[in-house]
Amino acid sequence: MLIYKIFRANEWAALQAQGTTPGAPIDVADGFVHFSTATQAAETAAKHFAGEDGLMLLAVETDGLGDALKWEVSRGGAEFPHLYRDLQVADVLWSRPLPLVDGAHRFPDDLV
């Protein structure tokens, strides 16, 4: 199963340069890397990244994350994937721009 992380361009660039990251500032504060499922990603973008351009959408395969990935109840009682270790660039299956179009983020059509 794929899960998704939204990063600002500088956060993605830092991960690529360093090979590992504890995540965005909110991830560091919470002690885990926040992810979303395909059905949760648009709401996450609207809630936490409203109006922000220059974002990147990263896809990560859950099978490679082992016991460090926990599914925990969060917004609206839904379970969200949380990674309790640094995200590694090798974890990222693909990355794509997440453009802001007419005030909303445009997600890839093939998001699964």
PDB file of N, CA and C in Angstrom:
ATOM      1  N   MET A   1       0.837  -1.186   0.000  1.00  0.00           N
ATOM      2  CA  MET A   1       0.000   0.000   0.000  1.00  0.00           C
ATOM      3  C   MET A   1       0.881   1.247   0.000  1.00  0.00           C
ATOM      4  N   LEU A   2       0.473   2.239  -0.762  1.00  0.00           N
ATOM      5  CA  LEU A   2       1.195   3.498  -0.778  1.00  0.00           C
ATOM      6  C   LEU A   2       0.582   4.469   0.221  1.00  0.00           C
ATOM      7  N   ILE A   3       1.465   5.217   0.908  1.00  0.00           N
ATOM      8  CA  ILE A   3       1.045   6.330   1.743  1.00  0.00           C
ATOM      9  C   ILE A   3       1.798   7.554   1.245  1.00  0.00           C
ATOM     10  N   TYR A   4       1.326   8.737   1.644  1.00  0.00           N
ATOM     11  CA  TYR A   4       1.817   9.967   1.032  1.00  0.00           C
ATOM     12  C   TYR A   4       2.244  10.992   2.063  1.00  0.00           C
ATOM     13  N   LYS A   5       3.322  11.700   1.729  1.00  0.00           N
ATOM     14  CA  LYS A   5       3.852  12.777   2.551  1.00  0.00           C
ATOM     15  C   LYS A   5       3.912  14.029   1.693  1.00  0.00           C
ATOM     16  N   ILE A   6       3.416  15.124   2.234  1.00  0.00           N
ATOM     17  CA  ILE A   6       3.508  16.410   1.553  1.00  0.00           C
ATOM     18  C   ILE A   6       4.657  17.186   2.193  1.00  0.00           C
ATOM     19  N   PHE A   7       5.592  17.595   1.361  1.00  0.00           N
ATOM     20  CA  PHE A   7       6.734  18.387   1.822  1.00  0.00           C
ATOM     21  C   PHE A   7       6.784  19.691   1.051  1.00  0.00           C
ATOM     22  N   ARG A   8       7.257  20.722   1.717  1.00  0.00           N
ATOM     23  CA  ARG A   8       7.603  21.958   1.024  1.00  0.00           C
ATOM     24  C   ARG A   8       8.881  21.674   0.229  1.00  0.00           C
ATOM     25  N   ALA A   9       9.111  22.456  -0.802  1.00  0.00           N
ATOM     26  CA  ALA A   9      10.256  22.205  -1.689  1.00  0.00           C
ATOM     27  C   ALA A   9      11.577  22.148  -0.917  1.00  0.00           C
ATOM     28  N   ASN A  10      11.758  23.041   0.066  1.00  0.00           N
ATOM     29  CA  ASN A  10      13.014  23.053   0.815  1.00  0.00           C
ATOM     30  C   ASN A  10      13.153  21.812   1.695  1.00  0.00           C
ATOM     31  N   GLU A  11      12.039  21.280   2.206  1.00  0.00           N
ATOM     32  CA  GLU A  11      12.080  20.062   3.023  1.00  0.00           C
ATOM     33  C   GLU A  11      12.455  18.857   2.161  1.00  0.00           C
ATOM     34  N   TRP A  12      11.907  18.793   0.958  1.00  0.00           N
ATOM     35  CA  TRP A  12      12.230  17.718   0.024  1.00  0.00           C
ATOM     36  C   TRP A  12      13.697  17.826  -0.406  1.00  0.00           C
ATOM     37  N   ALA A  13      14.153  19.041  -0.680  1.00  0.00           N
ATOM     38  CA  ALA A  13      15.546  19.238  -1.069  1.00  0.00           C
ATOM     39  C   ALA A  13      16.488  18.811   0.055  1.00  0.00           C
ATOM     40  N   ALA A  14      16.137  19.108   1.289  1.00  0.00           N
ATOM     41  CA  ALA A  14      16.969  18.713   2.427  1.00  0.00           C
ATOM     42  C   ALA A  14      17.029  17.195   2.561  1.00  0.00           C
ATOM     43  N   LEU A  15      15.894  16.519   2.373  1.00  0.00           N
ATOM     44  CA  LEU A  15      15.884  15.054   2.425  1.00  0.00           C
ATOM     45  C   LEU A  15      16.778  14.481   1.336  1.00  0.00           C
ATOM     46  N   GLN A  16      16.688  15.015   0.144  1.00  0.00           N
ATOM     47  CA  GLN A  16      17.519  14.523  -0.950  1.00  0.00           C
ATOM     48  C   GLN A  16      19.004  14.751  -0.660  1.00  0.00           C
ATOM     49  N   ALA A  17      19.339  15.902  -0.100  1.00  0.00           N
ATOM     50  CA  ALA A  17      20.738  16.228   0.161  1.00  0.00           C
ATOM     51  C   ALA A  17      21.315  15.426   1.321  1.00  0.00           C
ATOM     52  N   GLN A  18      20.512  15.225   2.371  1.00  0.00           N
ATOM     53  CA  GLN A  18      21.012  14.573   3.584  1.00  0.00           C
ATOM     54  C   GLN A  18      20.739  13.071   3.618  1.00  0.00           C
ATOM     55  N   GLY A  19      19.751  12.629   2.827  1.00  0.00           N
ATOM     56  CA  GLY A  19      19.425  11.209   2.781  1.00  0.00           C
ATOM     57  C   GLY A  19      18.453  10.753   3.850  1.00  0.00           C
ATOM     58  N   THR A  20      18.202  11.596   4.844  1.00  0.00           N
ATOM     59  CA  THR A  20      17.296  11.251   5.943  1.00  0.00           C
ATOM     60  C   THR A  20      16.773  12.537   6.581  1.00  0.00           C
ATOM     61  N   THR A  21      15.595  12.453   7.184  1.00  0.00           N
ATOM     62  CA  THR A  21      15.014  13.615   7.844  1.00  0.00           C
ATOM     63  C   THR A  21      14.049  13.164   8.938  1.00  0.00           C
ATOM     64  N   PRO A  22      13.995  13.923  10.036  1.00  0.00           N
ATOM     65  CA  PRO A  22      12.966  13.653  11.039  1.00  0.00           C
ATOM     66  C   PRO A  22      11.616  14.211  10.600  1.00  0.00           C
ATOM     67  N   GLY A  23      11.586  14.905   9.461  1.00  0.00           N
ATOM     68  CA  GLY A  23      10.347  15.429   8.911  1.00  0.00           C
ATOM     69  C   GLY A  23      10.255  16.935   8.978  1.00  0.00           C
ATOM     70  N   ALA A  24       9.055  17.414   8.713  1.00  0.00           N
ATOM     71  CA  ALA A  24       8.756  18.840   8.777  1.00  0.00           C
ATOM     72  C   ALA A  24       8.691  19.270  10.245  1.00  0.00           C
ATOM     73  N   PRO A  25       8.666  20.569  10.503  1.00  0.00           N
ATOM     74  CA  PRO A  25       8.604  21.026  11.900  1.00  0.00           C
ATOM     75  C   PRO A  25       7.484  20.383  12.722  1.00  0.00           C
ATOM     76  N   ILE A  26       6.308  20.180  12.157  1.00  0.00           N
ATOM     77  CA  ILE A  26       5.219  19.548  12.912  1.00  0.00           C
ATOM     78  C   ILE A  26       5.550  18.094  13.248  1.00  0.00           C
ATOM     79  N   ASP A  27       6.255  17.417  12.345  1.00  0.00           N
ATOM     80  CA  ASP A  27       6.667  16.034  12.611  1.00  0.00           C
ATOM     81  C   ASP A  27       7.647  15.980  13.782  1.00  0.00           C
ATOM     82  N   VAL A  28       8.607  16.877  13.757  1.00  0.00           N
ATOM     83  CA  VAL A  28       9.605  16.932  14.828  1.00  0.00           C
ATOM     84  C   VAL A  28       8.914  17.217  16.165  1.00  0.00           C
ATOM     85  N   ALA A  29       7.978  18.162  16.158  1.00  0.00           N
ATOM     86  CA  ALA A  29       7.265  18.518  17.389  1.00  0.00           C
ATOM     87  C   ALA A  29       6.436  17.348  17.918  1.00  0.00           C
ATOM     88  N   ASP A  30       5.825  16.584  17.016  1.00  0.00           N
ATOM     89  CA  ASP A  30       4.952  15.473  17.429  1.00  0.00           C
ATOM     90  C   ASP A  30       5.707  14.170  17.685  1.00  0.00           C
ATOM     91  N   GLY A  31       6.946  14.073  17.219  1.00  0.00           N
ATOM     92  CA  GLY A  31       7.751  12.889  17.469  1.00  0.00           C
ATOM     93  C   GLY A  31       7.563  11.770  16.468  1.00  0.00           C
ATOM     94  N   PHE A  32       6.933  12.068  15.335  1.00  0.00           N
ATOM     95  CA  PHE A  32       6.762  11.082  14.267  1.00  0.00           C
ATOM     96  C   PHE A  32       6.501  11.814  12.961  1.00  0.00           C
ATOM     97  N   VAL A  33       6.694  11.108  11.848  1.00  0.00           N
ATOM     98  CA  VAL A  33       6.446  11.672  10.526  1.00  0.00           C
ATOM     99  C   VAL A  33       5.000  11.370  10.146  1.00  0.00           C
ATOM    100  N   HIS A  34       4.254  12.437   9.894  1.00  0.00           N
ATOM    101  CA  HIS A  34       2.845  12.318   9.499  1.00  0.00           C
ATOM    102  C   HIS A  34       2.734  11.911   8.032  1.00  0.00           C
ATOM    103  N   PHE A  35       1.894  10.928   7.755  1.00  0.00           N
ATOM    104  CA  PHE A  35       1.565  10.525   6.390  1.00  0.00           C
ATOM    105  C   PHE A  35       0.045  10.535   6.230  1.00  0.00           C
ATOM    106  N   SER A  36      -0.404  10.423   5.001  1.00  0.00           N
ATOM    107  CA  SER A  36      -1.825  10.303   4.677  1.00  0.00           C
ATOM    108  C   SER A  36      -2.010   9.179   3.683  1.00  0.00           C
ATOM    109  N   THR A  37      -3.198   8.603   3.688  1.00  0.00           N
ATOM    110  CA  THR A  37      -3.570   7.659   2.638  1.00  0.00           C
ATOM    111  C   THR A  37      -4.016   8.467   1.418  1.00  0.00           C
ATOM    112  N   ALA A  38      -4.267   7.790   0.322  1.00  0.00           N
ATOM    113  CA  ALA A  38      -4.727   8.470  -0.883  1.00  0.00           C
ATOM    114  C   ALA A  38      -6.030   9.219  -0.636  1.00  0.00           C
ATOM    115  N   THR A  39      -6.912   8.646   0.153  1.00  0.00           N
ATOM    116  CA  THR A  39      -8.200   9.296   0.410  1.00  0.00           C
ATOM    117  C   THR A  39      -8.080  10.449   1.411  1.00  0.00           C
ATOM    118  N   GLN A  40      -7.011  10.495   2.178  1.00  0.00           N
ATOM    119  CA  GLN A  40      -6.816  11.544   3.181  1.00  0.00           C
ATOM    120  C   GLN A  40      -5.954  12.700   2.682  1.00  0.00           C
ATOM    121  N   ALA A  41      -5.202  12.497   1.619  1.00  0.00           N
ATOM    122  CA  ALA A  41      -4.173  13.448   1.202  1.00  0.00           C
ATOM    123  C   ALA A  41      -4.737  14.822   0.829  1.00  0.00           C
ATOM    124  N   ALA A  42      -5.830  14.872   0.095  1.00  0.00           N
ATOM    125  CA  ALA A  42      -6.384  16.171  -0.312  1.00  0.00           C
ATOM    126  C   ALA A  42      -6.846  16.979   0.894  1.00  0.00           C
ATOM    127  N   GLU A  43      -7.480  16.327   1.861  1.00  0.00           N
ATOM    128  CA  GLU A  43      -7.917  17.022   3.071  1.00  0.00           C
ATOM    129  C   GLU A  43      -6.711  17.513   3.881  1.00  0.00           C
ATOM    130  N   THR A  44      -5.665  16.696   3.941  1.00  0.00           N
ATOM    131  CA  THR A  44      -4.438  17.106   4.620  1.00  0.00           C
ATOM    132  C   THR A  44      -3.860  18.352   3.962  1.00  0.00           C
ATOM    133  N   ALA A  45      -3.805  18.367   2.645  1.00  0.00           N
ATOM    134  CA  ALA A  45      -3.280  19.529   1.920  1.00  0.00           C
ATOM    135  C   ALA A  45      -4.121  20.767   2.202  1.00  0.00           C
ATOM    136  N   ALA A  46      -5.444  20.613   2.169  1.00  0.00           N
ATOM    137  CA  ALA A  46      -6.325  21.753   2.395  1.00  0.00           C
ATOM    138  C   ALA A  46      -6.212  22.278   3.824  1.00  0.00           C
ATOM    139  N   LYS A  47      -6.064  21.377   4.772  1.00  0.00           N
ATOM    140  CA  LYS A  47      -6.027  21.778   6.178  1.00  0.00           C
ATOM    141  C   LYS A  47      -4.676  22.359   6.591  1.00  0.00           C
ATOM    142  N   HIS A  48      -3.591  21.747   6.168  1.00  0.00           N
ATOM    143  CA  HIS A  48      -2.266  22.125   6.658  1.00  0.00           C
ATOM    144  C   HIS A  48      -1.412  22.928   5.669  1.00  0.00           C
ATOM    145  N   PHE A  49      -1.828  22.972   4.396  1.00  0.00           N
ATOM    146  CA  PHE A  49      -1.015  23.640   3.383  1.00  0.00           C
ATOM    147  C   PHE A  49      -1.851  24.578   2.506  1.00  0.00           C
ATOM    148  N   ALA A  50      -2.951  25.073   3.027  1.00  0.00           N
ATOM    149  CA  ALA A  50      -3.861  25.928   2.247  1.00  0.00           C
ATOM    150  C   ALA A  50      -3.104  27.118   1.653  1.00  0.00           C
ATOM    151  N   GLY A  51      -3.247  27.283   0.346  1.00  0.00           N
ATOM    152  CA  GLY A  51      -2.652  28.414  -0.336  1.00  0.00           C
ATOM    153  C   GLY A  51      -1.152  28.317  -0.590  1.00  0.00           C
ATOM    154  N   GLU A  52      -0.518  27.245  -0.134  1.00  0.00           N
ATOM    155  CA  GLU A  52       0.936  27.102  -0.332  1.00  0.00           C
ATOM    156  C   GLU A  52       1.234  26.487  -1.687  1.00  0.00           C
ATOM    157  N   ASP A  53       2.134  27.136  -2.402  1.00  0.00           N
ATOM    158  CA  ASP A  53       2.590  26.611  -3.689  1.00  0.00           C
ATOM    159  C   ASP A  53       3.985  26.027  -3.493  1.00  0.00           C
ATOM    160  N   GLY A  54       4.460  25.301  -4.481  1.00  0.00           N
ATOM    161  CA  GLY A  54       5.804  24.740  -4.418  1.00  0.00           C
ATOM    162  C   GLY A  54       5.905  23.500  -3.555  1.00  0.00           C
ATOM    163  N   LEU A  55       4.798  22.769  -3.409  1.00  0.00           N
ATOM    164  CA  LEU A  55       4.803  21.556  -2.596  1.00  0.00           C
ATOM    165  C   LEU A  55       5.171  20.341  -3.435  1.00  0.00           C
ATOM    166  N   MET A  56       5.651  19.313  -2.731  1.00  0.00           N
ATOM    167  CA  MET A  56       5.967  18.036  -3.366  1.00  0.00           C
ATOM    168  C   MET A  56       5.171  16.932  -2.675  1.00  0.00           C
ATOM    169  N   LEU A  57       4.657  16.007  -3.452  1.00  0.00           N
ATOM    170  CA  LEU A  57       3.957  14.844  -2.945  1.00  0.00           C
ATOM    171  C   LEU A  57       4.890  13.646  -3.076  1.00  0.00           C
ATOM    172  N   LEU A  58       5.160  12.992  -1.946  1.00  0.00           N
ATOM    173  CA  LEU A  58       6.034  11.823  -1.924  1.00  0.00           C
ATOM    174  C   LEU A  58       5.202  10.583  -1.656  1.00  0.00           C
ATOM    175  N   ALA A  59       5.473   9.519  -2.384  1.00  0.00           N
ATOM    176  CA  ALA A  59       4.801   8.236  -2.177  1.00  0.00           C
ATOM    177  C   ALA A  59       5.785   7.262  -1.542  1.00  0.00           C
ATOM    178  N   VAL A  60       5.299   6.556  -0.526  1.00  0.00           N
ATOM    179  CA  VAL A  60       6.112   5.595   0.204  1.00  0.00           C
ATOM    180  C   VAL A  60       5.331   4.290   0.317  1.00  0.00           C
ATOM    181  N   GLU A  61       5.991   3.185   0.055  1.00  0.00           N
ATOM    182  CA  GLU A  61       5.381   1.859   0.181  1.00  0.00           C
ATOM    183  C   GLU A  61       5.429   1.435   1.649  1.00  0.00           C
ATOM    184  N   THR A  62       4.278   1.069   2.206  1.00  0.00           N
ATOM    185  CA  THR A  62       4.223   0.718   3.628  1.00  0.00           C
ATOM    186  C   THR A  62       5.004  -0.543   3.956  1.00  0.00           C
ATOM    187  N   ASP A  63       5.112  -1.473   3.023  1.00  0.00           N
ATOM    188  CA  ASP A  63       5.777  -2.753   3.297  1.00  0.00           C
ATOM    189  C   ASP A  63       7.221  -2.591   3.757  1.00  0.00           C
ATOM    190  N   GLY A  64       7.892  -1.549   3.318  1.00  0.00           N
ATOM    191  CA  GLY A  64       9.284  -1.356   3.667  1.00  0.00           C
ATOM    192  C   GLY A  64       9.516  -0.634   4.990  1.00  0.00           C
ATOM    193  N   LEU A  65       8.458  -0.242   5.669  1.00  0.00           N
ATOM    194  CA  LEU A  65       8.607   0.569   6.880  1.00  0.00           C
ATOM    195  C   LEU A  65       8.589  -0.243   8.171  1.00  0.00           C
ATOM    196  N   GLY A  66       8.145  -1.486   8.095  1.00  0.00           N
ATOM    197  CA  GLY A  66       8.180  -2.382   9.250  1.00  0.00           C
ATOM    198  C   GLY A  66       7.402  -1.870  10.445  1.00  0.00           C
ATOM    199  N   ASP A  67       7.904  -2.201  11.634  1.00  0.00           N
ATOM    200  CA  ASP A  67       7.234  -1.867  12.878  1.00  0.00           C
ATOM    201  C   ASP A  67       7.283  -0.382  13.219  1.00  0.00           C
ATOM    202  N   ALA A  68       8.078   0.386  12.486  1.00  0.00           N
ATOM    203  CA  ALA A  68       8.163   1.827  12.746  1.00  0.00           C
ATOM    204  C   ALA A  68       6.911   2.562  12.287  1.00  0.00           C
ATOM    205  N   LEU A  69       6.096   1.906  11.443  1.00  0.00           N
ATOM    206  CA  LEU A  69       4.847   2.508  10.965  1.00  0.00           C
ATOM    207  C   LEU A  69       3.700   2.085  11.873  1.00  0.00           C
ATOM    208  N   LYS A  70       3.015   3.068  12.408  1.00  0.00           N
ATOM    209  CA  LYS A  70       1.856   2.829  13.278  1.00  0.00           C
ATOM    210  C   LYS A  70       0.645   3.528  12.685  1.00  0.00           C
ATOM    211  N   TRP A  71      -0.503   2.865  12.768  1.00  0.00           N
ATOM    212  CA  TRP A  71      -1.766   3.457  12.333  1.00  0.00           C
ATOM    213  C   TRP A  71      -2.486   3.941  13.585  1.00  0.00           C
ATOM    214  N   GLU A  72      -2.703   5.259  13.649  1.00  0.00           N
ATOM    215  CA  GLU A  72      -3.257   5.842  14.856  1.00  0.00           C
ATOM    216  C   GLU A  72      -4.445   6.745  14.533  1.00  0.00           C
ATOM    217  N   VAL A  73      -5.413   6.731  15.433  1.00  0.00           N
ATOM    218  CA  VAL A  73      -6.620   7.544  15.256  1.00  0.00           C
ATOM    219  C   VAL A  73      -6.249   9.015  15.374  1.00  0.00           C
ATOM    220  N   SER A  74      -6.746   9.789  14.438  1.00  0.00           N
ATOM    221  CA  SER A  74      -6.480  11.217  14.417  1.00  0.00           C
ATOM    222  C   SER A  74      -7.745  11.940  13.982  1.00  0.00           C
ATOM    223  N   ARG A  75      -7.624  12.831  13.034  1.00  0.00           N
ATOM    224  CA  ARG A  75      -8.711  13.688  12.566  1.00  0.00           C
ATOM    225  C   ARG A  75      -9.996  12.911  12.270  1.00  0.00           C
ATOM    226  N   GLY A  76     -11.065  13.293  12.923  1.00  0.00           N
ATOM    227  CA  GLY A  76     -12.372  12.709  12.644  1.00  0.00           C
ATOM    228  C   GLY A  76     -12.477  11.235  12.965  1.00  0.00           C
ATOM    229  N   GLY A  77     -11.595  10.719  13.792  1.00  0.00           N
ATOM    230  CA  GLY A  77     -11.637   9.304  14.149  1.00  0.00           C
ATOM    231  C   GLY A  77     -10.988   8.386  13.133  1.00  0.00           C
ATOM    232  N   ALA A  78     -10.444   8.944  12.067  1.00  0.00           N
ATOM    233  CA  ALA A  78      -9.793   8.135  11.034  1.00  0.00           C
ATOM    234  C   ALA A  78      -8.390   7.733  11.484  1.00  0.00           C
ATOM    235  N   GLU A  79      -7.937   6.572  11.022  1.00  0.00           N
ATOM    236  CA  GLU A  79      -6.576   6.128  11.300  1.00  0.00           C
ATOM    237  C   GLU A  79      -5.632   6.697  10.246  1.00  0.00           C
ATOM    238  N   PHE A  80      -4.554   7.311  10.747  1.00  0.00           N
ATOM    239  CA  PHE A  80      -3.532   7.878   9.879  1.00  0.00           C
ATOM    240  C   PHE A  80      -2.223   7.133  10.098  1.00  0.00           C
ATOM    241  N   PRO A  81      -1.417   6.988   9.038  1.00  0.00           N
ATOM    242  CA  PRO A  81      -0.107   6.358   9.183  1.00  0.00           C
ATOM    243  C   PRO A  81       0.918   7.332   9.755  1.00  0.00           C
ATOM    244  N   HIS A  82       1.604   6.894  10.796  1.00  0.00           N
ATOM    245  CA  HIS A  82       2.654   7.688  11.444  1.00  0.00           C
ATOM    246  C   HIS A  82       3.935   6.865  11.480  1.00  0.00           C
ATOM    247  N   LEU A  83       5.033   7.465  11.064  1.00  0.00           N
ATOM    248  CA  LEU A  83       6.319   6.790  11.019  1.00  0.00           C
ATOM    249  C   LEU A  83       7.168   7.223  12.213  1.00  0.00           C
ATOM    250  N   TYR A  84       7.525   6.258  13.056  1.00  0.00           N
ATOM    251  CA  TYR A  84       8.303   6.522  14.259  1.00  0.00           C
ATOM    252  C   TYR A  84       9.789   6.239  14.040  1.00  0.00           C
ATOM    253  N   ARG A  85      10.321   6.817  13.009  1.00  0.00           N
ATOM    254  CA  ARG A  85      11.756   6.860  12.728  1.00  0.00           C
ATOM    255  C   ARG A  85      11.945   7.911  11.650  1.00  0.00           C
ATOM    256  N   ASP A  86      13.181   8.276  11.403  1.00  0.00           N
ATOM    257  CA  ASP A  86      13.442   9.241  10.341  1.00  0.00           C
ATOM    258  C   ASP A  86      13.006   8.677   8.993  1.00  0.00           C
ATOM    259  N   LEU A  87      12.506   9.544   8.155  1.00  0.00           N
ATOM    260  CA  LEU A  87      12.200   9.184   6.776  1.00  0.00           C
ATOM    261  C   LEU A  87      13.508   9.194   6.000  1.00  0.00           C
ATOM    262  N   GLN A  88      13.728   8.165   5.218  1.00  0.00           N
ATOM    263  CA  GLN A  88      14.942   8.057   4.418  1.00  0.00           C
ATOM    264  C   GLN A  88      14.592   8.258   2.949  1.00  0.00           C
ATOM    265  N   VAL A  89      15.491   8.870   2.222  1.00  0.00           N
ATOM    266  CA  VAL A  89      15.232   9.103   0.804  1.00  0.00           C
ATOM    267  C   VAL A  89      14.994   7.770   0.095  1.00  0.00           C
ATOM    268  N   ALA A  90      15.615   6.705   0.559  1.00  0.00           N
ATOM    269  CA  ALA A  90      15.410   5.380  -0.038  1.00  0.00           C
ATOM    270  C   ALA A  90      13.989   4.867   0.176  1.00  0.00           C
ATOM    271  N   ASP A  91      13.264   5.416   1.165  1.00  0.00           N
ATOM    272  CA  ASP A  91      11.863   5.019   1.396  1.00  0.00           C
ATOM    273  C   ASP A  91      10.933   5.556   0.321  1.00  0.00           C
ATOM    274  N   VAL A  92      11.343   6.611  -0.363  1.00  0.00           N
ATOM    275  CA  VAL A  92      10.472   7.321  -1.300  1.00  0.00           C
ATOM    276  C   VAL A  92      10.436   6.592  -2.639  1.00  0.00           C
ATOM    277  N   LEU A  93       9.247   6.117  -2.982  1.00  0.00           N
ATOM    278  CA  LEU A  93       9.052   5.424  -4.257  1.00  0.00           C
ATOM    279  C   LEU A  93       9.048   6.408  -5.420  1.00  0.00           C
ATOM    280  N   TRP A  94       8.335   7.510  -5.243  1.00  0.00           N
ATOM    281  CA  TRP A  94       8.333   8.583  -6.240  1.00  0.00           C
ATOM    282  C   TRP A  94       7.953   9.903  -5.580  1.00  0.00           C
ATOM    283  N   SER A  95       8.285  10.987  -6.280  1.00  0.00           N
ATOM    284  CA  SER A  95       7.895  12.329  -5.860  1.00  0.00           C
ATOM    285  C   SER A  95       7.380  13.078  -7.076  1.00  0.00           C
ATOM    286  N   ARG A  96       6.369  13.898  -6.828  1.00  0.00           N
ATOM    287  CA  ARG A  96       5.775  14.695  -7.908  1.00  0.00           C
ATOM    288  C   ARG A  96       5.402  16.066  -7.357  1.00  0.00           C
ATOM    289  N   PRO A  97       5.452  17.074  -8.207  1.00  0.00           N
ATOM    290  CA  PRO A  97       4.986  18.392  -7.777  1.00  0.00           C
ATOM    291  C   PRO A  97       3.497  18.337  -7.427  1.00  0.00           C
ATOM    292  N   LEU A  98       3.114  19.147  -6.475  1.00  0.00           N
ATOM    293  CA  LEU A  98       1.714  19.254  -6.056  1.00  0.00           C
ATOM    294  C   LEU A  98       1.296  20.706  -6.297  1.00  0.00           C
ATOM    295  N   PRO A  99       0.963  21.025  -7.557  1.00  0.00           N
ATOM    296  CA  PRO A  99       0.717  22.425  -7.911  1.00  0.00           C
ATOM    297  C   PRO A  99      -0.565  22.976  -7.294  1.00  0.00           C
ATOM    298  N   LEU A 100      -0.546  24.266  -7.080  1.00  0.00           N
ATOM    299  CA  LEU A 100      -1.710  25.001  -6.601  1.00  0.00           C
ATOM    300  C   LEU A 100      -2.403  25.574  -7.830  1.00  0.00           C
ATOM    301  N   VAL A 101      -3.636  25.121  -8.096  1.00  0.00           N
ATOM    302  CA  VAL A 101      -4.385  25.542  -9.271  1.00  0.00           C
ATOM    303  C   VAL A 101      -5.727  26.096  -8.811  1.00  0.00           C
ATOM    304  N   ASP A 102      -5.955  27.360  -9.097  1.00  0.00           N
ATOM    305  CA  ASP A 102      -7.197  28.021  -8.693  1.00  0.00           C
ATOM    306  C   ASP A 102      -7.477  27.837  -7.199  1.00  0.00           C
ATOM    307  N   GLY A 103      -6.436  27.957  -6.398  1.00  0.00           N
ATOM    308  CA  GLY A 103      -6.580  27.910  -4.949  1.00  0.00           C
ATOM    309  C   GLY A 103      -6.612  26.534  -4.319  1.00  0.00           C
ATOM    310  N   ALA A 104      -6.550  25.476  -5.130  1.00  0.00           N
ATOM    311  CA  ALA A 104      -6.569  24.109  -4.588  1.00  0.00           C
ATOM    312  C   ALA A 104      -5.392  23.321  -5.155  1.00  0.00           C
ATOM    313  N   HIS A 105      -4.916  22.367  -4.374  1.00  0.00           N
ATOM    314  CA  HIS A 105      -3.808  21.534  -4.835  1.00  0.00           C
ATOM    315  C   HIS A 105      -4.324  20.478  -5.804  1.00  0.00           C
ATOM    316  N   ARG A 106      -3.616  20.335  -6.914  1.00  0.00           N
ATOM    317  CA  ARG A 106      -4.006  19.355  -7.926  1.00  0.00           C
ATOM    318  C   ARG A 106      -3.164  18.088  -7.724  1.00  0.00           C
ATOM    319  N   PHE A 107      -3.853  17.029  -7.328  1.00  0.00           N
ATOM    320  CA  PHE A 107      -3.201  15.740  -7.087  1.00  0.00           C
ATOM    321  C   PHE A 107      -3.142  14.938  -8.373  1.00  0.00           C
ATOM    322  N   PRO A 108      -2.151  14.049  -8.497  1.00  0.00           N
ATOM    323  CA  PRO A 108      -2.067  13.195  -9.688  1.00  0.00           C
ATOM    324  C   PRO A 108      -3.343  12.362  -9.855  1.00  0.00           C
ATOM    325  N   ASP A 109      -3.727  12.149 -11.088  1.00  0.00           N
ATOM    326  CA  ASP A 109      -4.932  11.364 -11.383  1.00  0.00           C
ATOM    327  C   ASP A 109      -4.789   9.909 -10.955  1.00  0.00           C
ATOM    328  N   ASP A 110      -3.548   9.420 -10.931  1.00  0.00           N
ATOM    329  CA  ASP A 110      -3.330   7.999 -10.626  1.00  0.00           C
ATOM    330  C   ASP A 110      -3.011   7.747  -9.156  1.00  0.00           C
ATOM    331  N   LEU A 111      -3.380   8.672  -8.271  1.00  0.00           N
ATOM    332  CA  LEU A 111      -3.144   8.485  -6.854  1.00  0.00           C
ATOM    333  C   LEU A 111      -3.939   7.258  -6.373  1.00  0.00           C
ATOM    334  N   VAL A 112      -3.203   6.297  -5.774  1.00  0.00           N
ATOM    335  CA  VAL A 112      -3.866   5.051  -5.347  1.00  0.00           C
ATOM    336  C   VAL A 112      -3.673   4.816  -3.866  1.00  0.00           C
TER     337      VAL A 112
END
